[in-house]
């Protein structure tokens, strides 16, 4: 969200937001009415309806740039799997015939910005996650070492043949300290 705020503020954007109410309140470039220069898509599961999706589509068709906070297919919660932002982004891309600019995972710049915001070099970082398509793929695209955690989406993605590209695998984030000790000892 920080990257989106910086980018859209610098561009003096007039943003149509498909975001949660909380995230929309944090975005100073959100405009109440068009014309829009950008459409920003993030977590909108509590605010998304057909009129909102249609407004985003129309804005992009009219020339607004489509910007996505991430491209996740789905996420897991205690009550099961839920559709994620990537599906909404894909719907607008397909309907409008455009490709979104992704500011979050798996975009390599996302990982570089995270390192910079922490004041560390990317060489000092390790990307850890359960999603082979966003965490591992994005970390690898940014040139960072990766750790696949065998929780969350791991079993689903393994069945789809999507895992196996990480530099390391662990059963749980609780295993990270031991992995880090091994890596720093080498």
N, C-alpha and C. Protein backbone atom coordinates (compact mmCIF):
# COMPACT_ATOMS: atom_id res chain seq x y z
N UNK A 1 0.82 -1.18 0.00
CA UNK A 1 0.00 0.00 0.00
C UNK A 1 0.87 1.25 0.00
N UNK A 2 2.00 1.20 0.68
CA UNK A 2 2.91 2.35 0.72
C UNK A 2 3.40 2.67 -0.68
N UNK A 3 3.76 1.66 -1.44
CA UNK A 3 4.23 1.88 -2.81
C UNK A 3 3.14 2.51 -3.65
N UNK A 4 1.92 2.03 -3.52
CA UNK A 4 0.80 2.59 -4.29
C UNK A 4 0.56 4.04 -3.91
N UNK A 5 0.59 4.33 -2.63
CA UNK A 5 0.38 5.71 -2.19
C UNK A 5 1.45 6.63 -2.77
N UNK A 6 2.70 6.22 -2.69
CA UNK A 6 3.80 7.04 -3.23
C UNK A 6 3.66 7.23 -4.74
N UNK A 7 3.42 6.14 -5.44
CA UNK A 7 3.31 6.19 -6.89
C UNK A 7 2.15 7.08 -7.33
N UNK A 8 0.99 6.88 -6.76
CA UNK A 8 -0.20 7.61 -7.19
C UNK A 8 -0.16 9.07 -6.75
N UNK A 9 0.42 9.35 -5.59
CA UNK A 9 0.56 10.73 -5.15
C UNK A 9 1.53 11.48 -6.07
N UNK A 10 2.66 10.86 -6.39
CA UNK A 10 3.64 11.48 -7.29
C UNK A 10 3.04 11.73 -8.67
N UNK A 11 2.15 10.86 -9.10
CA UNK A 11 1.52 11.01 -10.42
C UNK A 11 0.33 11.97 -10.38
N UNK A 12 0.02 12.52 -9.21
CA UNK A 12 -1.15 13.38 -9.03
C UNK A 12 -2.40 12.69 -9.60
N UNK A 13 -2.52 11.43 -9.24
CA UNK A 13 -3.58 10.58 -9.77
C UNK A 13 -4.95 10.96 -9.24
N UNK A 14 -5.94 10.60 -10.03
CA UNK A 14 -7.35 10.59 -9.61
C UNK A 14 -7.72 9.11 -9.64
N UNK A 15 -7.78 8.52 -8.46
CA UNK A 15 -7.86 7.08 -8.33
C UNK A 15 -9.26 6.58 -8.05
N UNK A 16 -9.66 5.54 -8.81
CA UNK A 16 -10.84 4.76 -8.47
C UNK A 16 -10.31 3.57 -7.69
N UNK A 17 -10.82 3.37 -6.48
CA UNK A 17 -10.28 2.32 -5.61
C UNK A 17 -11.25 1.16 -5.46
N UNK A 18 -10.77 -0.04 -5.77
CA UNK A 18 -11.46 -1.28 -5.40
C UNK A 18 -10.65 -1.83 -4.22
N UNK A 19 -10.94 -1.30 -3.05
CA UNK A 19 -10.21 -1.61 -1.83
C UNK A 19 -11.20 -1.72 -0.68
N UNK A 20 -10.72 -2.23 0.43
CA UNK A 20 -11.53 -2.21 1.65
C UNK A 20 -11.71 -0.75 2.07
N UNK A 21 -12.69 -0.49 2.90
CA UNK A 21 -12.91 0.87 3.39
C UNK A 21 -11.68 1.39 4.13
N UNK A 22 -11.03 0.51 4.89
CA UNK A 22 -9.85 0.91 5.66
C UNK A 22 -8.71 1.34 4.74
N UNK A 23 -8.46 0.57 3.69
CA UNK A 23 -7.38 0.92 2.76
C UNK A 23 -7.74 2.15 1.94
N UNK A 24 -8.99 2.28 1.54
CA UNK A 24 -9.42 3.45 0.78
C UNK A 24 -9.17 4.73 1.58
N UNK A 25 -9.43 4.68 2.87
CA UNK A 25 -9.22 5.85 3.73
C UNK A 25 -7.76 6.27 3.80
N UNK A 26 -6.85 5.32 3.55
CA UNK A 26 -5.41 5.62 3.60
C UNK A 26 -4.86 6.16 2.28
N UNK A 27 -5.66 6.14 1.23
CA UNK A 27 -5.19 6.53 -0.10
C UNK A 27 -5.64 7.95 -0.41
N UNK A 28 -4.72 8.92 -0.36
CA UNK A 28 -5.12 10.32 -0.55
C UNK A 28 -5.56 10.68 -1.97
N UNK A 29 -5.29 9.83 -2.94
CA UNK A 29 -5.61 10.17 -4.33
C UNK A 29 -6.97 9.66 -4.79
N UNK A 30 -7.73 9.02 -3.89
CA UNK A 30 -9.03 8.50 -4.28
C UNK A 30 -9.96 9.66 -4.60
N UNK A 31 -10.58 9.58 -5.77
CA UNK A 31 -11.52 10.61 -6.22
C UNK A 31 -12.94 10.08 -6.12
N UNK A 32 -13.86 10.95 -5.74
CA UNK A 32 -15.26 10.54 -5.59
C UNK A 32 -15.94 10.28 -6.93
N UNK A 33 -15.52 11.00 -7.95
CA UNK A 33 -16.10 10.84 -9.29
C UNK A 33 -14.98 10.92 -10.33
N UNK A 34 -15.26 10.37 -11.51
CA UNK A 34 -14.30 10.39 -12.60
C UNK A 34 -14.25 11.75 -13.26
N UNK A 35 -13.42 11.91 -14.24
CA UNK A 35 -12.61 10.85 -14.84
C UNK A 35 -11.44 10.46 -13.93
N UNK A 36 -11.04 9.20 -14.05
CA UNK A 36 -9.97 8.64 -13.24
C UNK A 36 -8.73 8.43 -14.09
N UNK A 37 -7.57 8.59 -13.46
CA UNK A 37 -6.32 8.30 -14.16
C UNK A 37 -5.81 6.90 -13.83
N UNK A 38 -6.25 6.37 -12.69
CA UNK A 38 -5.79 5.06 -12.23
C UNK A 38 -6.93 4.31 -11.55
N UNK A 39 -6.91 3.00 -11.68
CA UNK A 39 -7.79 2.12 -10.93
C UNK A 39 -6.89 1.25 -10.06
N UNK A 40 -7.09 1.30 -8.76
CA UNK A 40 -6.27 0.56 -7.81
C UNK A 40 -7.09 -0.59 -7.23
N UNK A 41 -6.58 -1.82 -7.40
CA UNK A 41 -7.30 -3.00 -6.91
C UNK A 41 -6.48 -3.67 -5.81
N UNK A 42 -7.12 -3.89 -4.69
CA UNK A 42 -6.53 -4.59 -3.56
C UNK A 42 -7.60 -5.43 -2.89
N UNK A 43 -7.49 -5.58 -1.60
CA UNK A 43 -8.48 -6.36 -0.85
C UNK A 43 -9.82 -5.62 -0.89
N UNK A 44 -10.76 -6.17 -1.65
CA UNK A 44 -12.07 -5.51 -1.80
C UNK A 44 -13.21 -6.48 -1.52
N UNK A 45 -12.93 -7.57 -0.82
CA UNK A 45 -13.95 -8.61 -0.65
C UNK A 45 -15.18 -8.11 0.10
N UNK A 46 -15.03 -7.09 0.93
CA UNK A 46 -16.19 -6.58 1.68
C UNK A 46 -16.88 -5.42 0.97
N UNK A 47 -16.28 -4.89 -0.09
CA UNK A 47 -16.86 -3.74 -0.78
C UNK A 47 -17.20 -4.02 -2.24
N UNK A 48 -16.75 -5.14 -2.77
CA UNK A 48 -16.93 -5.43 -4.19
C UNK A 48 -18.37 -5.82 -4.50
N UNK A 49 -18.90 -5.19 -5.52
CA UNK A 49 -20.17 -5.59 -6.10
C UNK A 49 -20.08 -5.32 -7.60
N UNK A 50 -21.11 -5.71 -8.33
CA UNK A 50 -21.04 -5.55 -9.78
C UNK A 50 -20.90 -4.10 -10.21
N UNK A 51 -21.66 -3.16 -9.65
CA UNK A 51 -21.47 -1.77 -10.06
C UNK A 51 -20.04 -1.26 -9.84
N UNK A 52 -19.41 -1.65 -8.74
CA UNK A 52 -18.03 -1.22 -8.48
C UNK A 52 -17.08 -1.84 -9.51
N UNK A 53 -17.25 -3.11 -9.81
CA UNK A 53 -16.41 -3.78 -10.81
C UNK A 53 -16.61 -3.14 -12.18
N UNK A 54 -17.84 -2.85 -12.52
CA UNK A 54 -18.15 -2.23 -13.80
C UNK A 54 -17.55 -0.83 -13.90
N UNK A 55 -17.58 -0.06 -12.80
CA UNK A 55 -16.98 1.28 -12.79
C UNK A 55 -15.47 1.19 -13.02
N UNK A 56 -14.83 0.22 -12.39
CA UNK A 56 -13.39 0.02 -12.59
C UNK A 56 -13.11 -0.32 -14.05
N UNK A 57 -13.88 -1.24 -14.61
CA UNK A 57 -13.74 -1.63 -16.00
C UNK A 57 -13.89 -0.42 -16.92
N UNK A 58 -14.92 0.38 -16.70
CA UNK A 58 -15.17 1.54 -17.55
C UNK A 58 -14.04 2.56 -17.45
N UNK A 59 -13.53 2.75 -16.26
CA UNK A 59 -12.42 3.70 -16.08
C UNK A 59 -11.19 3.24 -16.85
N UNK A 60 -10.89 1.94 -16.79
CA UNK A 60 -9.73 1.40 -17.52
C UNK A 60 -9.97 1.52 -19.02
N UNK A 61 -11.16 1.20 -19.46
CA UNK A 61 -11.48 1.33 -20.90
C UNK A 61 -11.35 2.78 -21.36
N UNK A 62 -11.58 3.72 -20.46
CA UNK A 62 -11.48 5.14 -20.80
C UNK A 62 -10.05 5.67 -20.70
N UNK A 63 -9.11 4.78 -20.32
CA UNK A 63 -7.70 5.19 -20.30
C UNK A 63 -7.01 5.17 -18.96
N UNK A 64 -7.72 4.88 -17.88
CA UNK A 64 -7.07 4.80 -16.57
C UNK A 64 -6.13 3.61 -16.52
N UNK A 65 -5.01 3.76 -15.84
CA UNK A 65 -4.06 2.66 -15.69
C UNK A 65 -4.53 1.72 -14.58
N UNK A 66 -4.48 0.42 -14.84
CA UNK A 66 -4.88 -0.58 -13.86
C UNK A 66 -3.68 -0.94 -13.00
N UNK A 67 -3.81 -0.73 -11.69
CA UNK A 67 -2.74 -0.98 -10.73
C UNK A 67 -3.25 -1.99 -9.70
N UNK A 68 -2.47 -3.03 -9.45
CA UNK A 68 -2.86 -4.07 -8.50
C UNK A 68 -1.90 -4.12 -7.33
N UNK A 69 -2.44 -4.27 -6.13
CA UNK A 69 -1.59 -4.42 -4.96
C UNK A 69 -0.95 -5.80 -4.90
N UNK A 70 -1.59 -6.79 -5.54
CA UNK A 70 -1.03 -8.14 -5.61
C UNK A 70 -1.87 -8.96 -6.57
N UNK A 71 -1.42 -10.20 -6.85
CA UNK A 71 -2.12 -11.06 -7.82
C UNK A 71 -2.46 -12.43 -7.24
N UNK A 72 -2.63 -12.52 -5.94
CA UNK A 72 -2.95 -13.82 -5.35
C UNK A 72 -4.23 -14.41 -5.93
N UNK A 73 -4.22 -15.73 -6.19
CA UNK A 73 -5.41 -16.42 -6.72
C UNK A 73 -6.46 -16.63 -5.64
N UNK A 74 -6.00 -17.08 -4.48
CA UNK A 74 -6.90 -17.33 -3.36
C UNK A 74 -6.10 -17.29 -2.08
N UNK A 75 -6.81 -17.17 -0.97
CA UNK A 75 -6.15 -17.22 0.33
C UNK A 75 -6.93 -18.16 1.23
N UNK A 76 -6.26 -18.60 2.28
CA UNK A 76 -6.86 -19.55 3.20
C UNK A 76 -7.18 -18.87 4.53
N UNK A 77 -8.31 -19.27 5.08
CA UNK A 77 -8.73 -18.87 6.42
C UNK A 77 -9.20 -20.13 7.13
N UNK A 78 -9.51 -19.97 8.39
CA UNK A 78 -9.96 -21.12 9.18
C UNK A 78 -11.22 -21.75 8.58
N UNK A 79 -12.06 -20.94 7.91
CA UNK A 79 -13.29 -21.48 7.35
C UNK A 79 -13.14 -21.98 5.92
N UNK A 80 -11.92 -21.97 5.38
CA UNK A 80 -11.69 -22.50 4.04
C UNK A 80 -11.03 -21.51 3.10
N UNK A 81 -11.04 -21.85 1.82
CA UNK A 81 -10.40 -21.03 0.79
C UNK A 81 -11.33 -19.90 0.36
N UNK A 82 -10.71 -18.76 0.00
CA UNK A 82 -11.45 -17.59 -0.46
C UNK A 82 -10.76 -17.00 -1.68
N UNK A 83 -11.54 -16.51 -2.63
CA UNK A 83 -10.99 -15.88 -3.83
C UNK A 83 -10.19 -14.64 -3.41
N UNK A 84 -9.07 -14.39 -4.09
CA UNK A 84 -8.20 -13.28 -3.72
C UNK A 84 -8.20 -12.21 -4.81
N UNK A 85 -7.46 -11.18 -4.57
CA UNK A 85 -7.39 -10.01 -5.44
C UNK A 85 -7.03 -10.33 -6.88
N UNK A 86 -6.18 -11.30 -7.10
CA UNK A 86 -5.76 -11.62 -8.46
C UNK A 86 -6.90 -11.96 -9.39
N UNK A 87 -7.94 -12.58 -8.87
CA UNK A 87 -9.09 -12.93 -9.70
C UNK A 87 -9.85 -11.68 -10.14
N UNK A 88 -9.94 -10.69 -9.27
CA UNK A 88 -10.60 -9.43 -9.62
C UNK A 88 -9.76 -8.70 -10.66
N UNK A 89 -8.45 -8.67 -10.44
CA UNK A 89 -7.54 -8.03 -11.40
C UNK A 89 -7.66 -8.72 -12.76
N UNK A 90 -7.67 -10.05 -12.76
CA UNK A 90 -7.76 -10.80 -14.02
C UNK A 90 -9.07 -10.50 -14.75
N UNK A 91 -10.15 -10.33 -14.02
CA UNK A 91 -11.44 -10.01 -14.65
C UNK A 91 -11.37 -8.67 -15.38
N UNK A 92 -10.80 -7.68 -14.74
CA UNK A 92 -10.70 -6.35 -15.37
C UNK A 92 -9.72 -6.40 -16.53
N UNK A 93 -8.59 -7.09 -16.35
CA UNK A 93 -7.62 -7.22 -17.44
C UNK A 93 -8.28 -7.86 -18.67
N UNK A 94 -8.98 -8.94 -18.45
CA UNK A 94 -9.62 -9.66 -19.55
C UNK A 94 -10.67 -8.80 -20.25
N UNK A 95 -11.53 -8.19 -19.46
CA UNK A 95 -12.61 -7.39 -20.04
C UNK A 95 -12.10 -6.15 -20.77
N UNK A 96 -11.07 -5.52 -20.23
CA UNK A 96 -10.56 -4.27 -20.80
C UNK A 96 -9.43 -4.50 -21.80
N UNK A 97 -8.89 -5.72 -21.84
CA UNK A 97 -7.79 -6.00 -22.76
C UNK A 97 -6.50 -5.31 -22.39
N UNK A 98 -6.21 -5.22 -21.08
CA UNK A 98 -5.00 -4.57 -20.60
C UNK A 98 -4.27 -5.51 -19.64
N UNK A 99 -3.09 -5.12 -19.25
CA UNK A 99 -2.33 -5.84 -18.23
C UNK A 99 -2.08 -4.88 -17.07
N UNK A 100 -2.36 -5.33 -15.87
CA UNK A 100 -2.19 -4.50 -14.68
C UNK A 100 -0.71 -4.32 -14.35
N UNK A 101 -0.42 -3.19 -13.75
CA UNK A 101 0.89 -2.94 -13.16
C UNK A 101 0.79 -3.45 -11.73
N UNK A 102 1.55 -4.48 -11.39
CA UNK A 102 1.47 -5.09 -10.07
C UNK A 102 2.54 -4.48 -9.17
N UNK A 103 2.11 -3.91 -8.05
CA UNK A 103 3.03 -3.29 -7.10
C UNK A 103 3.40 -4.23 -5.96
N UNK A 104 2.63 -5.27 -5.76
CA UNK A 104 2.89 -6.21 -4.67
C UNK A 104 3.40 -7.53 -5.22
N UNK A 105 3.32 -8.57 -4.38
CA UNK A 105 3.79 -9.89 -4.80
C UNK A 105 3.04 -10.35 -6.04
N UNK A 106 3.70 -10.92 -7.01
CA UNK A 106 5.09 -11.36 -7.08
C UNK A 106 6.05 -10.39 -7.78
N UNK A 107 5.72 -9.11 -7.88
CA UNK A 107 6.58 -8.15 -8.58
C UNK A 107 7.93 -8.02 -7.87
N UNK A 108 9.03 -8.17 -8.60
CA UNK A 108 10.36 -8.05 -7.98
C UNK A 108 10.57 -6.72 -7.24
N UNK A 109 10.02 -5.64 -7.77
CA UNK A 109 10.19 -4.34 -7.10
C UNK A 109 9.58 -4.34 -5.70
N UNK A 110 8.54 -5.13 -5.48
CA UNK A 110 7.93 -5.22 -4.17
C UNK A 110 8.96 -5.68 -3.13
N UNK A 111 9.72 -6.71 -3.48
CA UNK A 111 10.70 -7.26 -2.55
C UNK A 111 11.86 -6.29 -2.35
N UNK A 112 12.27 -5.60 -3.40
CA UNK A 112 13.34 -4.60 -3.29
C UNK A 112 12.90 -3.43 -2.42
N UNK A 113 11.66 -2.98 -2.60
CA UNK A 113 11.13 -1.89 -1.80
C UNK A 113 11.04 -2.29 -0.33
N UNK A 114 10.66 -3.53 -0.07
CA UNK A 114 10.59 -4.01 1.32
C UNK A 114 11.96 -3.94 1.97
N UNK A 115 12.99 -4.37 1.26
CA UNK A 115 14.35 -4.32 1.81
C UNK A 115 14.77 -2.88 2.05
N UNK A 116 14.52 -2.02 1.08
CA UNK A 116 14.89 -0.61 1.21
C UNK A 116 14.18 0.03 2.38
N UNK A 117 12.90 -0.27 2.57
CA UNK A 117 12.14 0.33 3.66
C UNK A 117 12.66 -0.12 5.02
N UNK A 118 13.32 -1.28 5.06
CA UNK A 118 13.92 -1.77 6.31
C UNK A 118 15.35 -1.28 6.48
N UNK A 119 15.89 -0.63 5.44
CA UNK A 119 17.26 -0.13 5.51
C UNK A 119 18.31 -1.21 5.37
N UNK A 120 17.97 -2.29 4.67
CA UNK A 120 18.93 -3.38 4.47
C UNK A 120 19.12 -3.63 2.98
N UNK A 121 20.22 -4.25 2.65
CA UNK A 121 20.49 -4.65 1.27
C UNK A 121 19.70 -5.92 0.97
N UNK A 122 19.30 -6.09 -0.28
CA UNK A 122 18.56 -7.30 -0.63
C UNK A 122 19.39 -8.55 -0.37
N UNK A 123 20.71 -8.43 -0.45
CA UNK A 123 21.59 -9.58 -0.20
C UNK A 123 21.45 -10.09 1.24
N UNK A 124 20.93 -9.26 2.12
CA UNK A 124 20.74 -9.64 3.52
C UNK A 124 19.37 -10.25 3.78
N UNK A 125 18.57 -10.40 2.73
CA UNK A 125 17.17 -10.83 2.89
C UNK A 125 16.96 -12.27 2.48
N UNK A 126 15.90 -12.81 3.00
CA UNK A 126 15.43 -14.15 2.69
C UNK A 126 13.91 -14.05 2.56
N UNK A 127 13.36 -14.50 1.45
CA UNK A 127 11.91 -14.45 1.27
C UNK A 127 11.32 -15.77 1.77
N UNK A 128 10.37 -15.66 2.69
CA UNK A 128 9.75 -16.82 3.31
C UNK A 128 8.26 -16.77 3.07
N UNK A 129 7.68 -17.87 2.58
CA UNK A 129 6.24 -17.89 2.39
C UNK A 129 5.71 -19.26 2.02
N UNK A 130 4.38 -19.38 2.05
CA UNK A 130 3.72 -20.64 1.72
C UNK A 130 3.23 -20.69 0.29
N UNK A 131 3.31 -19.57 -0.43
CA UNK A 131 2.77 -19.50 -1.79
C UNK A 131 3.89 -19.52 -2.81
N UNK A 132 3.96 -20.60 -3.56
CA UNK A 132 5.02 -20.75 -4.57
C UNK A 132 4.86 -19.76 -5.71
N UNK A 133 3.63 -19.33 -5.99
CA UNK A 133 3.39 -18.45 -7.14
C UNK A 133 3.62 -16.98 -6.85
N UNK A 134 3.58 -16.58 -5.59
CA UNK A 134 3.80 -15.17 -5.25
C UNK A 134 5.06 -15.01 -4.40
N UNK A 135 5.14 -15.70 -3.28
CA UNK A 135 6.28 -15.54 -2.38
C UNK A 135 7.57 -16.06 -3.02
N UNK A 136 7.57 -17.32 -3.39
CA UNK A 136 8.78 -17.94 -3.94
C UNK A 136 9.12 -17.39 -5.32
N UNK A 137 8.14 -17.36 -6.22
CA UNK A 137 8.40 -16.86 -7.58
C UNK A 137 8.85 -15.40 -7.55
N UNK A 138 8.21 -14.59 -6.74
CA UNK A 138 8.59 -13.18 -6.65
C UNK A 138 9.97 -12.99 -6.06
N UNK A 139 10.27 -13.73 -5.00
CA UNK A 139 11.60 -13.65 -4.41
C UNK A 139 12.68 -14.07 -5.38
N UNK A 140 12.44 -15.14 -6.10
CA UNK A 140 13.42 -15.62 -7.09
C UNK A 140 13.59 -14.60 -8.21
N UNK A 141 12.49 -14.00 -8.66
CA UNK A 141 12.58 -12.99 -9.73
C UNK A 141 13.37 -11.77 -9.28
N UNK A 142 13.34 -11.49 -7.98
CA UNK A 142 14.10 -10.37 -7.43
C UNK A 142 15.54 -10.76 -7.12
N UNK A 143 15.88 -12.04 -7.35
CA UNK A 143 17.24 -12.50 -7.10
C UNK A 143 17.54 -12.80 -5.64
N UNK A 144 16.50 -13.09 -4.88
CA UNK A 144 16.67 -13.35 -3.45
C UNK A 144 16.54 -14.83 -3.14
N UNK A 145 17.23 -15.30 -2.12
CA UNK A 145 17.04 -16.69 -1.69
C UNK A 145 15.64 -16.85 -1.10
N UNK A 146 15.06 -18.02 -1.30
CA UNK A 146 13.67 -18.25 -0.90
C UNK A 146 13.51 -19.48 -0.02
N UNK A 147 12.49 -19.42 0.82
CA UNK A 147 12.13 -20.53 1.69
C UNK A 147 10.64 -20.81 1.52
N UNK A 148 10.32 -22.02 1.11
CA UNK A 148 8.93 -22.46 0.97
C UNK A 148 8.52 -23.09 2.29
N UNK A 149 7.45 -22.57 2.89
CA UNK A 149 6.91 -23.14 4.12
C UNK A 149 5.80 -24.11 3.72
N UNK A 150 5.85 -25.31 4.25
CA UNK A 150 4.89 -26.36 3.87
C UNK A 150 3.60 -26.27 4.67
N UNK A 151 3.03 -25.07 4.70
CA UNK A 151 1.74 -24.84 5.35
C UNK A 151 0.87 -24.08 4.37
N UNK A 152 -0.34 -23.72 4.78
CA UNK A 152 -1.21 -22.90 3.95
C UNK A 152 -1.47 -23.51 2.59
N UNK A 153 -1.04 -22.83 1.54
CA UNK A 153 -1.30 -23.24 0.16
C UNK A 153 -0.37 -24.34 -0.33
N UNK A 154 0.61 -24.70 0.45
CA UNK A 154 1.63 -25.63 -0.02
C UNK A 154 1.04 -26.92 -0.59
N UNK A 155 0.16 -27.59 0.14
CA UNK A 155 -0.37 -28.88 -0.33
C UNK A 155 -1.12 -28.73 -1.65
N UNK A 156 -1.93 -27.68 -1.77
CA UNK A 156 -2.65 -27.44 -3.02
C UNK A 156 -1.68 -27.22 -4.17
N UNK A 157 -0.69 -26.39 -3.95
CA UNK A 157 0.25 -26.04 -5.01
C UNK A 157 1.18 -27.21 -5.35
N UNK A 158 1.49 -28.02 -4.36
CA UNK A 158 2.30 -29.21 -4.64
C UNK A 158 1.52 -30.15 -5.57
N UNK A 159 0.23 -30.32 -5.30
CA UNK A 159 -0.60 -31.18 -6.13
C UNK A 159 -0.70 -30.65 -7.57
N UNK A 160 -0.58 -29.34 -7.72
CA UNK A 160 -0.62 -28.71 -9.05
C UNK A 160 0.76 -28.68 -9.72
N UNK A 161 1.78 -29.16 -9.01
CA UNK A 161 3.14 -29.16 -9.57
C UNK A 161 3.79 -27.79 -9.55
N UNK A 162 3.37 -26.92 -8.65
CA UNK A 162 3.89 -25.56 -8.62
C UNK A 162 5.03 -25.35 -7.64
N UNK A 163 5.28 -26.31 -6.78
CA UNK A 163 6.34 -26.16 -5.78
C UNK A 163 7.64 -26.76 -6.28
N UNK A 164 8.69 -26.58 -5.52
CA UNK A 164 9.98 -27.18 -5.85
C UNK A 164 11.03 -26.20 -6.33
N UNK A 165 10.66 -24.93 -6.50
CA UNK A 165 11.62 -23.94 -6.98
C UNK A 165 12.32 -23.18 -5.87
N UNK A 166 11.87 -23.33 -4.64
CA UNK A 166 12.48 -22.59 -3.53
C UNK A 166 13.88 -23.12 -3.24
N UNK A 167 14.71 -22.26 -2.71
CA UNK A 167 16.06 -22.66 -2.32
C UNK A 167 16.05 -23.58 -1.11
N UNK A 168 15.05 -23.40 -0.26
CA UNK A 168 14.93 -24.19 0.96
C UNK A 168 13.45 -24.44 1.24
N UNK A 169 13.15 -25.52 1.95
CA UNK A 169 11.79 -25.80 2.40
C UNK A 169 11.83 -26.14 3.88
N UNK A 170 10.79 -25.67 4.60
CA UNK A 170 10.65 -25.98 6.01
C UNK A 170 9.20 -26.37 6.26
N UNK A 171 8.98 -27.14 7.31
CA UNK A 171 7.61 -27.56 7.64
C UNK A 171 6.80 -26.44 8.26
N UNK A 172 7.46 -25.52 8.96
CA UNK A 172 6.76 -24.47 9.71
C UNK A 172 7.69 -23.27 9.85
N UNK A 173 7.12 -22.09 10.07
CA UNK A 173 7.96 -20.92 10.33
C UNK A 173 8.76 -21.12 11.62
N UNK A 174 8.29 -22.01 12.48
CA UNK A 174 9.03 -22.31 13.71
C UNK A 174 10.38 -22.94 13.39
N UNK A 175 10.55 -23.47 12.16
CA UNK A 175 11.81 -24.08 11.75
C UNK A 175 12.82 -23.06 11.21
N UNK A 176 12.41 -21.81 11.06
CA UNK A 176 13.30 -20.80 10.48
C UNK A 176 14.56 -20.53 11.30
N UNK A 177 14.48 -20.41 12.63
CA UNK A 177 15.72 -20.16 13.37
C UNK A 177 16.80 -21.21 13.11
N UNK A 178 16.41 -22.47 13.07
CA UNK A 178 17.39 -23.53 12.80
C UNK A 178 17.95 -23.40 11.39
N UNK A 179 17.12 -23.09 10.42
CA UNK A 179 17.58 -22.89 9.05
C UNK A 179 18.54 -21.71 8.99
N UNK A 180 18.21 -20.63 9.63
CA UNK A 180 19.08 -19.45 9.62
C UNK A 180 20.44 -19.75 10.27
N UNK A 181 20.43 -20.51 11.36
CA UNK A 181 21.70 -20.90 12.00
C UNK A 181 22.54 -21.73 11.03
N UNK A 182 21.89 -22.67 10.33
CA UNK A 182 22.60 -23.49 9.33
C UNK A 182 23.16 -22.63 8.21
N UNK A 183 22.38 -21.69 7.73
CA UNK A 183 22.81 -20.86 6.60
C UNK A 183 23.96 -19.92 6.99
N UNK A 184 23.92 -19.38 8.19
CA UNK A 184 24.97 -18.47 8.61
C UNK A 184 26.23 -19.21 9.03
N UNK A 185 26.11 -20.49 9.35
CA UNK A 185 27.28 -21.30 9.70
C UNK A 185 28.07 -21.69 8.47
N UNK A 186 27.39 -21.75 7.30
CA UNK A 186 28.06 -22.18 6.05
C UNK A 186 29.01 -21.12 5.53
